[in-house]
């Protein structure tokens, strides 16, 4: 089964680049350009993983993350924050429910698309393992 990803990014260029890289790697990709659209897409497409920018129009990334974590239907969807905010925000966002945090400049998807693919594969693998442990019990 192909994993479905939701790329939430206000930069059209970054969305397009991410979609192309991830689609070529075999993922099904859905996009959202703002926070409100992101929440709609979560309900419509039921993604397996979300790549979430923080600085979004209409509804910021922190509010999207909070809404996802408060809803039992979406609380288990892994979220990777991909943002231009400094790494100092990583701990706060992980406490808020993000699985991982990476600065866009460190990911460098424009020149090294395989970095994004590796990050997504690792997150999906980790989420699957964590869910299996919590589902099966200790």
N, C-alpha and C. Protein backbone atom coordinates (compact mmCIF):
# COMPACT_ATOMS: atom_id res chain seq x y z
N UNK A 1 0.83 -1.18 0.00
CA UNK A 1 0.00 0.00 0.00
C UNK A 1 0.88 1.25 0.00
N UNK A 2 0.55 2.18 -0.84
CA UNK A 2 1.29 3.43 -0.94
C UNK A 2 0.89 4.37 0.19
N UNK A 3 1.88 4.92 0.87
CA UNK A 3 1.60 5.88 1.94
C UNK A 3 1.12 7.19 1.33
N UNK A 4 0.10 7.78 1.96
CA UNK A 4 -0.42 9.07 1.52
C UNK A 4 0.12 10.15 2.44
N UNK A 5 0.70 11.18 1.83
CA UNK A 5 1.31 12.27 2.58
C UNK A 5 0.56 13.56 2.32
N UNK A 6 0.47 14.40 3.34
CA UNK A 6 -0.09 15.74 3.20
C UNK A 6 1.04 16.73 3.41
N UNK A 7 1.32 17.53 2.38
CA UNK A 7 2.35 18.57 2.46
C UNK A 7 1.63 19.89 2.70
N UNK A 8 1.87 20.49 3.87
CA UNK A 8 1.24 21.76 4.23
C UNK A 8 2.32 22.83 4.20
N UNK A 9 2.24 23.67 3.18
CA UNK A 9 3.30 24.66 2.93
C UNK A 9 2.68 25.83 2.17
N UNK A 10 2.93 27.05 2.63
CA UNK A 10 2.36 28.21 1.94
C UNK A 10 3.14 28.59 0.68
N UNK A 11 4.37 28.18 0.57
CA UNK A 11 5.16 28.46 -0.63
C UNK A 11 4.78 27.46 -1.73
N UNK A 12 4.22 27.98 -2.80
CA UNK A 12 3.81 27.12 -3.90
C UNK A 12 5.01 26.35 -4.47
N UNK A 13 6.13 27.00 -4.57
CA UNK A 13 7.34 26.37 -5.09
C UNK A 13 7.78 25.20 -4.20
N UNK A 14 7.78 25.40 -2.88
CA UNK A 14 8.17 24.33 -1.96
C UNK A 14 7.18 23.16 -2.01
N UNK A 15 5.88 23.48 -2.12
CA UNK A 15 4.87 22.42 -2.24
C UNK A 15 5.10 21.61 -3.51
N UNK A 16 5.31 22.30 -4.62
CA UNK A 16 5.52 21.63 -5.90
C UNK A 16 6.78 20.77 -5.86
N UNK A 17 7.87 21.32 -5.34
CA UNK A 17 9.12 20.57 -5.26
C UNK A 17 8.96 19.34 -4.37
N UNK A 18 8.35 19.52 -3.21
CA UNK A 18 8.13 18.39 -2.29
C UNK A 18 7.26 17.33 -2.95
N UNK A 19 6.17 17.77 -3.61
CA UNK A 19 5.27 16.82 -4.27
C UNK A 19 6.01 16.01 -5.33
N UNK A 20 6.81 16.68 -6.16
CA UNK A 20 7.54 15.97 -7.20
C UNK A 20 8.51 14.95 -6.63
N UNK A 21 9.28 15.35 -5.63
CA UNK A 21 10.27 14.45 -5.02
C UNK A 21 9.58 13.25 -4.39
N UNK A 22 8.52 13.51 -3.63
CA UNK A 22 7.84 12.43 -2.91
C UNK A 22 7.04 11.53 -3.86
N UNK A 23 6.44 12.11 -4.88
CA UNK A 23 5.71 11.30 -5.87
C UNK A 23 6.66 10.38 -6.62
N UNK A 24 7.82 10.90 -6.99
CA UNK A 24 8.80 10.07 -7.69
C UNK A 24 9.31 8.94 -6.80
N UNK A 25 9.26 9.14 -5.48
CA UNK A 25 9.68 8.10 -4.54
C UNK A 25 8.55 7.09 -4.27
N UNK A 26 7.39 7.30 -4.90
CA UNK A 26 6.31 6.33 -4.77
C UNK A 26 5.21 6.68 -3.80
N UNK A 27 5.25 7.86 -3.22
CA UNK A 27 4.21 8.27 -2.28
C UNK A 27 3.06 8.94 -3.02
N UNK A 28 1.89 8.85 -2.43
CA UNK A 28 0.73 9.60 -2.90
C UNK A 28 0.75 10.92 -2.12
N UNK A 29 0.68 12.06 -2.80
CA UNK A 29 0.86 13.35 -2.14
C UNK A 29 -0.35 14.25 -2.35
N UNK A 30 -0.83 14.81 -1.26
CA UNK A 30 -1.90 15.80 -1.25
C UNK A 30 -1.29 17.07 -0.68
N UNK A 31 -1.78 18.23 -1.13
CA UNK A 31 -1.19 19.50 -0.70
C UNK A 31 -2.21 20.42 -0.05
N UNK A 32 -1.69 21.31 0.79
CA UNK A 32 -2.49 22.39 1.36
C UNK A 32 -1.61 23.62 1.48
N UNK A 33 -2.17 24.79 1.16
CA UNK A 33 -1.40 26.03 1.18
C UNK A 33 -1.61 26.89 2.40
N UNK A 34 -2.54 26.49 3.28
CA UNK A 34 -2.77 27.23 4.53
C UNK A 34 -3.31 26.27 5.58
N UNK A 35 -3.40 26.76 6.81
CA UNK A 35 -3.81 25.90 7.92
C UNK A 35 -5.23 25.39 7.84
N UNK A 36 -6.15 26.23 7.39
CA UNK A 36 -7.54 25.79 7.27
C UNK A 36 -7.69 24.70 6.22
N UNK A 37 -7.03 24.90 5.08
CA UNK A 37 -7.05 23.89 4.02
C UNK A 37 -6.40 22.59 4.51
N UNK A 38 -5.37 22.70 5.34
CA UNK A 38 -4.70 21.52 5.88
C UNK A 38 -5.68 20.65 6.66
N UNK A 39 -6.46 21.28 7.54
CA UNK A 39 -7.41 20.51 8.34
C UNK A 39 -8.49 19.89 7.46
N UNK A 40 -8.94 20.61 6.44
CA UNK A 40 -9.92 20.03 5.50
C UNK A 40 -9.33 18.81 4.79
N UNK A 41 -8.08 18.95 4.35
CA UNK A 41 -7.43 17.86 3.62
C UNK A 41 -7.22 16.63 4.52
N UNK A 42 -6.95 16.86 5.80
CA UNK A 42 -6.79 15.73 6.72
C UNK A 42 -8.08 14.92 6.75
N UNK A 43 -9.22 15.59 6.83
CA UNK A 43 -10.50 14.89 6.89
C UNK A 43 -10.87 14.26 5.55
N UNK A 44 -10.51 14.90 4.45
CA UNK A 44 -10.88 14.38 3.13
C UNK A 44 -9.95 13.26 2.65
N UNK A 45 -8.66 13.39 2.91
CA UNK A 45 -7.71 12.44 2.33
C UNK A 45 -7.14 11.42 3.31
N UNK A 46 -7.30 11.63 4.61
CA UNK A 46 -6.81 10.70 5.62
C UNK A 46 -5.34 10.32 5.40
N UNK A 47 -4.43 11.29 5.51
CA UNK A 47 -3.01 11.01 5.23
C UNK A 47 -2.37 10.10 6.28
N UNK A 48 -1.33 9.42 5.86
CA UNK A 48 -0.55 8.58 6.77
C UNK A 48 0.51 9.39 7.50
N UNK A 49 0.86 10.55 6.95
CA UNK A 49 1.88 11.41 7.54
C UNK A 49 1.68 12.83 7.02
N UNK A 50 1.99 13.81 7.87
CA UNK A 50 1.84 15.22 7.49
C UNK A 50 3.18 15.92 7.62
N UNK A 51 3.56 16.64 6.56
CA UNK A 51 4.71 17.54 6.60
C UNK A 51 4.13 18.94 6.78
N UNK A 52 4.43 19.58 7.90
CA UNK A 52 3.74 20.81 8.30
C UNK A 52 4.68 21.98 8.49
N UNK A 53 4.44 23.03 7.72
CA UNK A 53 5.14 24.30 7.92
C UNK A 53 4.48 24.99 9.11
N UNK A 54 5.19 25.86 9.79
CA UNK A 54 4.64 26.58 10.94
C UNK A 54 4.06 27.93 10.57
N UNK A 55 4.70 28.61 9.63
CA UNK A 55 4.28 29.97 9.28
C UNK A 55 3.31 29.89 8.11
N UNK A 56 2.02 29.76 8.45
CA UNK A 56 0.98 29.57 7.44
C UNK A 56 -0.07 30.68 7.53
N UNK A 57 -0.69 31.01 6.40
CA UNK A 57 -1.81 31.95 6.44
C UNK A 57 -3.06 31.28 7.01
N UNK A 58 -3.99 32.09 7.44
CA UNK A 58 -5.31 31.71 7.95
C UNK A 58 -5.26 31.02 9.31
N UNK A 59 -4.48 29.97 9.43
CA UNK A 59 -4.36 29.22 10.68
C UNK A 59 -2.93 28.71 10.76
N UNK A 60 -2.19 29.16 11.76
CA UNK A 60 -0.78 28.81 11.87
C UNK A 60 -0.55 27.33 12.13
N UNK A 61 0.66 26.88 11.85
CA UNK A 61 1.02 25.49 12.03
C UNK A 61 0.85 24.97 13.44
N UNK A 62 1.15 25.81 14.45
CA UNK A 62 0.95 25.37 15.85
C UNK A 62 -0.51 25.06 16.12
N UNK A 63 -1.41 25.88 15.56
CA UNK A 63 -2.85 25.64 15.76
C UNK A 63 -3.30 24.39 15.03
N UNK A 64 -2.75 24.14 13.86
CA UNK A 64 -3.06 22.92 13.12
C UNK A 64 -2.61 21.71 13.93
N UNK A 65 -1.40 21.75 14.43
CA UNK A 65 -0.86 20.65 15.23
C UNK A 65 -1.72 20.41 16.47
N UNK A 66 -2.10 21.49 17.13
CA UNK A 66 -2.94 21.39 18.33
C UNK A 66 -4.30 20.75 17.98
N UNK A 67 -4.91 21.18 16.89
CA UNK A 67 -6.20 20.63 16.48
C UNK A 67 -6.08 19.13 16.16
N UNK A 68 -4.99 18.74 15.51
CA UNK A 68 -4.77 17.34 15.18
C UNK A 68 -4.62 16.49 16.45
N UNK A 69 -3.91 17.00 17.42
CA UNK A 69 -3.64 16.24 18.64
C UNK A 69 -4.85 16.18 19.58
N UNK A 70 -5.76 17.11 19.45
CA UNK A 70 -6.94 17.13 20.32
C UNK A 70 -8.07 16.24 19.79
N UNK A 71 -8.00 15.84 18.55
CA UNK A 71 -9.05 15.04 17.94
C UNK A 71 -8.62 13.57 17.95
N UNK A 72 -9.39 12.70 18.61
CA UNK A 72 -9.02 11.28 18.66
C UNK A 72 -8.87 10.64 17.27
N UNK A 73 -9.56 11.15 16.28
CA UNK A 73 -9.48 10.58 14.93
C UNK A 73 -8.17 10.92 14.22
N UNK A 74 -7.47 11.97 14.67
CA UNK A 74 -6.25 12.40 13.99
C UNK A 74 -5.02 12.39 14.90
N UNK A 75 -5.19 12.06 16.13
CA UNK A 75 -4.08 12.17 17.09
C UNK A 75 -2.89 11.27 16.78
N UNK A 76 -3.13 10.17 16.08
CA UNK A 76 -2.03 9.24 15.77
C UNK A 76 -1.33 9.52 14.44
N UNK A 77 -1.80 10.50 13.69
CA UNK A 77 -1.14 10.82 12.42
C UNK A 77 0.20 11.47 12.73
N UNK A 78 1.30 10.89 12.28
CA UNK A 78 2.61 11.50 12.54
C UNK A 78 2.76 12.82 11.79
N UNK A 79 3.33 13.80 12.49
CA UNK A 79 3.54 15.13 11.92
C UNK A 79 5.02 15.46 12.00
N UNK A 80 5.59 15.80 10.85
CA UNK A 80 6.96 16.30 10.80
C UNK A 80 6.86 17.79 10.51
N UNK A 81 7.40 18.59 11.40
CA UNK A 81 7.43 20.02 11.18
C UNK A 81 8.65 20.34 10.33
N UNK A 82 8.40 20.98 9.19
CA UNK A 82 9.46 21.42 8.29
C UNK A 82 9.27 22.93 8.18
N UNK A 83 10.15 23.67 8.85
CA UNK A 83 9.92 25.10 8.97
C UNK A 83 11.21 25.90 8.86
N UNK A 84 11.07 27.17 8.60
CA UNK A 84 12.23 28.06 8.59
C UNK A 84 12.51 28.62 9.97
N UNK A 85 11.67 28.29 10.95
CA UNK A 85 11.91 28.71 12.32
C UNK A 85 13.17 28.04 12.84
N UNK A 86 13.89 28.71 13.75
CA UNK A 86 15.14 28.12 14.25
C UNK A 86 14.92 26.83 15.05
N UNK A 87 15.94 26.02 15.09
CA UNK A 87 15.92 24.73 15.78
C UNK A 87 15.54 24.87 17.26
N UNK A 88 15.68 26.06 17.84
CA UNK A 88 15.34 26.26 19.25
C UNK A 88 13.87 25.98 19.52
N UNK A 89 13.04 25.94 18.49
CA UNK A 89 11.62 25.65 18.65
C UNK A 89 11.32 24.15 18.68
N UNK A 90 12.29 23.32 18.40
CA UNK A 90 12.08 21.88 18.23
C UNK A 90 11.47 21.23 19.48
N UNK A 91 12.02 21.49 20.65
CA UNK A 91 11.51 20.84 21.86
C UNK A 91 10.06 21.22 22.13
N UNK A 92 9.75 22.49 21.97
CA UNK A 92 8.39 22.97 22.20
C UNK A 92 7.41 22.28 21.25
N UNK A 93 7.79 22.15 19.98
CA UNK A 93 6.91 21.53 19.00
C UNK A 93 6.78 20.03 19.21
N UNK A 94 7.84 19.39 19.64
CA UNK A 94 7.75 17.96 19.94
C UNK A 94 6.84 17.72 21.14
N UNK A 95 6.92 18.60 22.14
CA UNK A 95 6.01 18.50 23.29
C UNK A 95 4.57 18.69 22.86
N UNK A 96 4.36 19.50 21.83
CA UNK A 96 3.01 19.77 21.31
C UNK A 96 2.50 18.62 20.44
N UNK A 97 3.36 17.65 20.13
CA UNK A 97 2.90 16.48 19.40
C UNK A 97 3.57 16.21 18.06
N UNK A 98 4.55 17.02 17.68
CA UNK A 98 5.26 16.75 16.43
C UNK A 98 6.20 15.56 16.63
N UNK A 99 6.29 14.70 15.64
CA UNK A 99 7.19 13.56 15.72
C UNK A 99 8.64 14.01 15.53
N UNK A 100 8.82 14.97 14.64
CA UNK A 100 10.17 15.45 14.33
C UNK A 100 10.09 16.90 13.90
N UNK A 101 11.23 17.56 13.95
CA UNK A 101 11.34 18.95 13.53
C UNK A 101 12.62 19.10 12.73
N UNK A 102 12.50 19.75 11.60
CA UNK A 102 13.70 20.02 10.82
C UNK A 102 13.57 21.39 10.16
N UNK A 103 14.68 22.11 10.18
CA UNK A 103 14.72 23.41 9.50
C UNK A 103 14.82 23.18 8.01
N UNK A 104 14.09 23.99 7.25
CA UNK A 104 14.11 23.86 5.79
C UNK A 104 15.53 23.98 5.24
N UNK A 105 16.30 24.90 5.81
CA UNK A 105 17.65 25.09 5.29
C UNK A 105 18.53 23.86 5.50
N UNK A 106 18.29 23.11 6.56
CA UNK A 106 19.08 21.90 6.82
C UNK A 106 18.60 20.72 5.99
N UNK A 107 17.33 20.72 5.63
CA UNK A 107 16.79 19.65 4.80
C UNK A 107 17.29 19.78 3.36
N UNK A 108 17.36 21.01 2.86
CA UNK A 108 17.91 21.31 1.54
C UNK A 108 17.32 20.42 0.45
N UNK A 109 15.97 20.42 0.35
CA UNK A 109 15.33 19.54 -0.63
C UNK A 109 15.55 19.96 -2.07
N UNK A 110 15.90 21.21 -2.27
CA UNK A 110 16.10 21.66 -3.64
C UNK A 110 17.28 20.91 -4.28
N UNK A 111 18.37 20.77 -3.55
CA UNK A 111 19.55 20.08 -4.09
C UNK A 111 19.60 18.61 -3.71
N UNK A 112 18.98 18.25 -2.61
CA UNK A 112 19.09 16.87 -2.10
C UNK A 112 17.72 16.33 -1.72
N UNK A 113 16.93 16.02 -2.71
CA UNK A 113 15.58 15.51 -2.49
C UNK A 113 15.55 14.21 -1.71
N UNK A 114 16.63 13.44 -1.81
CA UNK A 114 16.65 12.15 -1.08
C UNK A 114 16.61 12.36 0.43
N UNK A 115 17.04 13.54 0.91
CA UNK A 115 16.95 13.84 2.35
C UNK A 115 15.49 13.81 2.80
N UNK A 116 14.61 14.39 2.02
CA UNK A 116 13.19 14.41 2.34
C UNK A 116 12.61 13.01 2.31
N UNK A 117 12.96 12.24 1.32
CA UNK A 117 12.46 10.86 1.21
C UNK A 117 12.93 10.03 2.40
N UNK A 118 14.20 10.15 2.77
CA UNK A 118 14.72 9.41 3.94
C UNK A 118 13.99 9.81 5.21
N UNK A 119 13.76 11.10 5.39
CA UNK A 119 13.06 11.61 6.58
C UNK A 119 11.65 11.03 6.65
N UNK A 120 10.94 11.05 5.55
CA UNK A 120 9.57 10.53 5.52
C UNK A 120 9.55 9.02 5.77
N UNK A 121 10.43 8.28 5.12
CA UNK A 121 10.48 6.83 5.33
C UNK A 121 10.79 6.48 6.78
N UNK A 122 11.73 7.19 7.38
CA UNK A 122 12.09 6.94 8.78
C UNK A 122 10.91 7.25 9.70
N UNK A 123 10.22 8.33 9.44
CA UNK A 123 9.07 8.71 10.28
C UNK A 123 7.93 7.71 10.15
N UNK A 124 7.66 7.25 8.93
CA UNK A 124 6.60 6.25 8.74
C UNK A 124 6.96 4.94 9.44
N UNK A 125 8.21 4.54 9.33
CA UNK A 125 8.66 3.31 9.99
C UNK A 125 8.54 3.44 11.51
N UNK A 126 8.98 4.57 12.03
CA UNK A 126 8.91 4.82 13.48
C UNK A 126 7.45 4.85 13.96
N UNK A 127 6.58 5.51 13.21
CA UNK A 127 5.18 5.59 13.60
C UNK A 127 4.53 4.21 13.60
N UNK A 128 4.86 3.41 12.61
CA UNK A 128 4.31 2.06 12.53
C UNK A 128 4.77 1.23 13.73
N UNK A 129 6.04 1.33 14.08
CA UNK A 129 6.58 0.59 15.22
C UNK A 129 5.96 1.07 16.53
N UNK A 130 5.80 2.37 16.69
CA UNK A 130 5.20 2.91 17.92
C UNK A 130 3.75 2.50 18.05
N UNK A 131 3.02 2.53 16.94
CA UNK A 131 1.61 2.14 16.97
C UNK A 131 1.47 0.66 17.31
N UNK A 132 2.32 -0.18 16.74
CA UNK A 132 2.26 -1.61 17.00
C UNK A 132 2.51 -1.89 18.47
N UNK A 133 3.48 -1.19 19.07
CA UNK A 133 3.78 -1.38 20.49
C UNK A 133 2.61 -0.93 21.35
N UNK A 134 2.04 0.23 21.06
CA UNK A 134 0.94 0.73 21.88
C UNK A 134 -0.33 -0.08 21.66
N UNK A 135 -0.52 -0.63 20.47
CA UNK A 135 -1.70 -1.41 20.18
C UNK A 135 -1.64 -2.79 20.83
N UNK A 136 -0.47 -3.40 20.77
CA UNK A 136 -0.30 -4.75 21.29
C UNK A 136 -0.08 -4.74 22.80
N UNK A 137 0.32 -3.61 23.33
CA UNK A 137 0.59 -3.53 24.76
C UNK A 137 2.03 -3.91 25.05
N UNK A 138 2.42 -3.85 26.31
CA UNK A 138 3.81 -4.14 26.67
C UNK A 138 4.21 -5.58 26.46
